[in-house]
Amino acid sequence: MDDGSIPNLAFPGLKHGRRTIPLDLLPLLYLGGASARAEKVAQMIASGDLGNPLRERIDLVTKIHEEIDFSLKSGGATSSTIVRIRYLRDFFSFADSADYSLNIDTVLSVYVNWTDHLIHRFRTIKDLEQLSAYNYGITVGTLLDKIFERESPILLTTRLKSPRRKKGALSVAKDKQSLQKTFAFGYMLLDLMDGLSLDSLWGELPVRIPLRTGQELVEWSWLVSPLHLKPKPDTAQGRAQQKRREKARARFISDRTLNTRFPLANLRVEAELLFFISQTGMNLAQAHQIKLRHFSYTSTLDGYLVRDYKHRRQGEVLFEIYAEYKAIFERYLAWRNAVFPNDSDGALFPLIRKGGRAEDKAPNFGRIRQTCKKLEMQFILPSHLRKTRINWLLRRSGDDDMTAEMAQHSKQTLVRVYEEPSLHRAMTEVMRFWQSADPVMNPPSPGVCNGLPLPVDIIPHGATQPDCARPSGCLWCEHHRDIDSLDYVWSISSFRYLKSLELANYHPPQRKNWPAHPALFSIERLSDKLHWFKNSNPTRKSWVDESLSRIEEGEYHPSWSNLIQSIEASI
């Protein structure tokens, strides 16, 4: 084989950890190379175990490599690249196992067959979820669309469909419980940020961090607690081992540098990063790659726009924060500069990685996860923090367009992916709708009205007919509505007293069968209403008792006070 004819399919500009296997598309040129173990495939190629490269694949794999490399150089995330290559390996493994010839001319038809295979996996074999199959298909399909400059996605030519995302409205109790867990997680992060100050970081071990829940977090910075040390046997050899262990522990405790205190520093940085995401709504892939800069702040209505000081006049906004977060953020910047004094242009959230993990790879928050496990608390994923923030903004503003702009998404993506149906929000929106759409008017009598005057089915002969002019007429109107409040009960009690004064001043002629005064019917109607309120429940009964006491003391409702006082003055 002439190695000179094989292009370089690696990604030399991509950073990776000491133990991370460099990404390379070379195995895709070999039959069985895509399914071989990543840590062994290079040796298998060198030893000839995979045979010669399939030269008909060179053009195809080269174009794939060019597209992925261009995406990386344009700012694409390393994590996304790793996923794309993993899905590509599955695609090429399928072609190898099914004995398909893969090249520029056949790749699209093989892709369609591969999507059918994915459908068979989640429908029949059931070793793959439908959402995972769709992610496989759309990732590789999008790559092929760019290579062939297709106008319509190739995925539309397949039977692979995105699973419908069912959104069930949360009950008020579950919605509140979800927020309570997020708030508890946020308070824990704040306690960690407060407890891991410079004095604590460089001070005596263990570091004791008090939590507002009453708990205490004890951190030994990866040093084993004395409570968990097994005693050495009481022999000469055991005593020597014990002495060496004590000296090693003393050296570890006295070494107040990042060589021994990096677990504590990482814990603070992870907490700060999660809190930063919750405040800014930024993606983890973006947030952990922000570089430390001389930040400048431009005040807004309820927060600050943060820019690079060097480009404060014309530079783009790096992120936006709430006003309350500014002091917390600046406190972290001072802490970070003191802990990492020689890294003034490094990452804003630097993590010391001892396990060979690539520096540009997003953290998995192992220290925070361990802390949550100790405290028996639920770990909230960064994506869930972001989603909670977006839904909180939706509830506060009720404006989809503004929230989508703040979340850096289209309105369709916001509603389809991020918005969580909420029973509490639905109830609020229904209430606001009826407040604006319900034709409720203020009638001349106590209560409210929602229509034109219409007499009830049974109205006493001689009672005032509804006409929207006289208060008594409302008492027999179909559209009159009572109000469940103390103020309303006080109002009808005062109105009844007004009618009793009107009736007391009435002197009918001394004739038989003279009709009763309309005020009498009003008093009876109002008495029936007060009787219902009094017998319905203890709260309403207390309203009636309070209202009658006020009437006896001469304290009348403002709606009727002037009329009552004028009539009493004339008696």
Foldseek 3Di string as FASTA:
>chain_A
DPPVVQDFFFQVVDFWFPPDQGDGCVLLQFQCSLVDDSVCSVVCVVVCVRPDGNVQARVVSVLLSVVLNVCVVVPHAPVLSVVLSNLVSVLSNVCSVVVHDDHPVCPLVSLQVVLVVLVCCCPPVNPDPLQRSVVSSVSVQVSVCVSVVPPDTSCVVHPRDHDADDFDADAPVVVVVVVVLVVQLLQVLVQLLVQLFPCQLQDFAFRWGQGPVRDIDTHRLPDDDPVPDDQFDPDPVSVVVVVVVVVVSVVLRNPRACVRSQLSLLLNLLSVLLVVCLFFLDDLLLQQQAWAACWDWDDDDFWTFIDHPVCVPPTDGPTIGGNVCPVVLVSLQVRVCVRCVPRRGGTPRFHDDPPRGGRSDGDPSPSSVVVCVVVVGDDDDSVNSSLVSLQVVCLVPVDLCVSCVSNVHDSVCCVRPRHHRYPVSVVVVVVVVCVVPQQWAPALAQAIFRDQFDFDPDDDVQADDDDSPDHRNLLGGPGGDQDPDLLSLLRLVLVLVLLVLVQVPDDDDPDPPDDDHNSVVSNVSSVVVLVCQLPVDPVSVVSNVVSVVCVVVLNGRPSCNVVVVVSVVVD
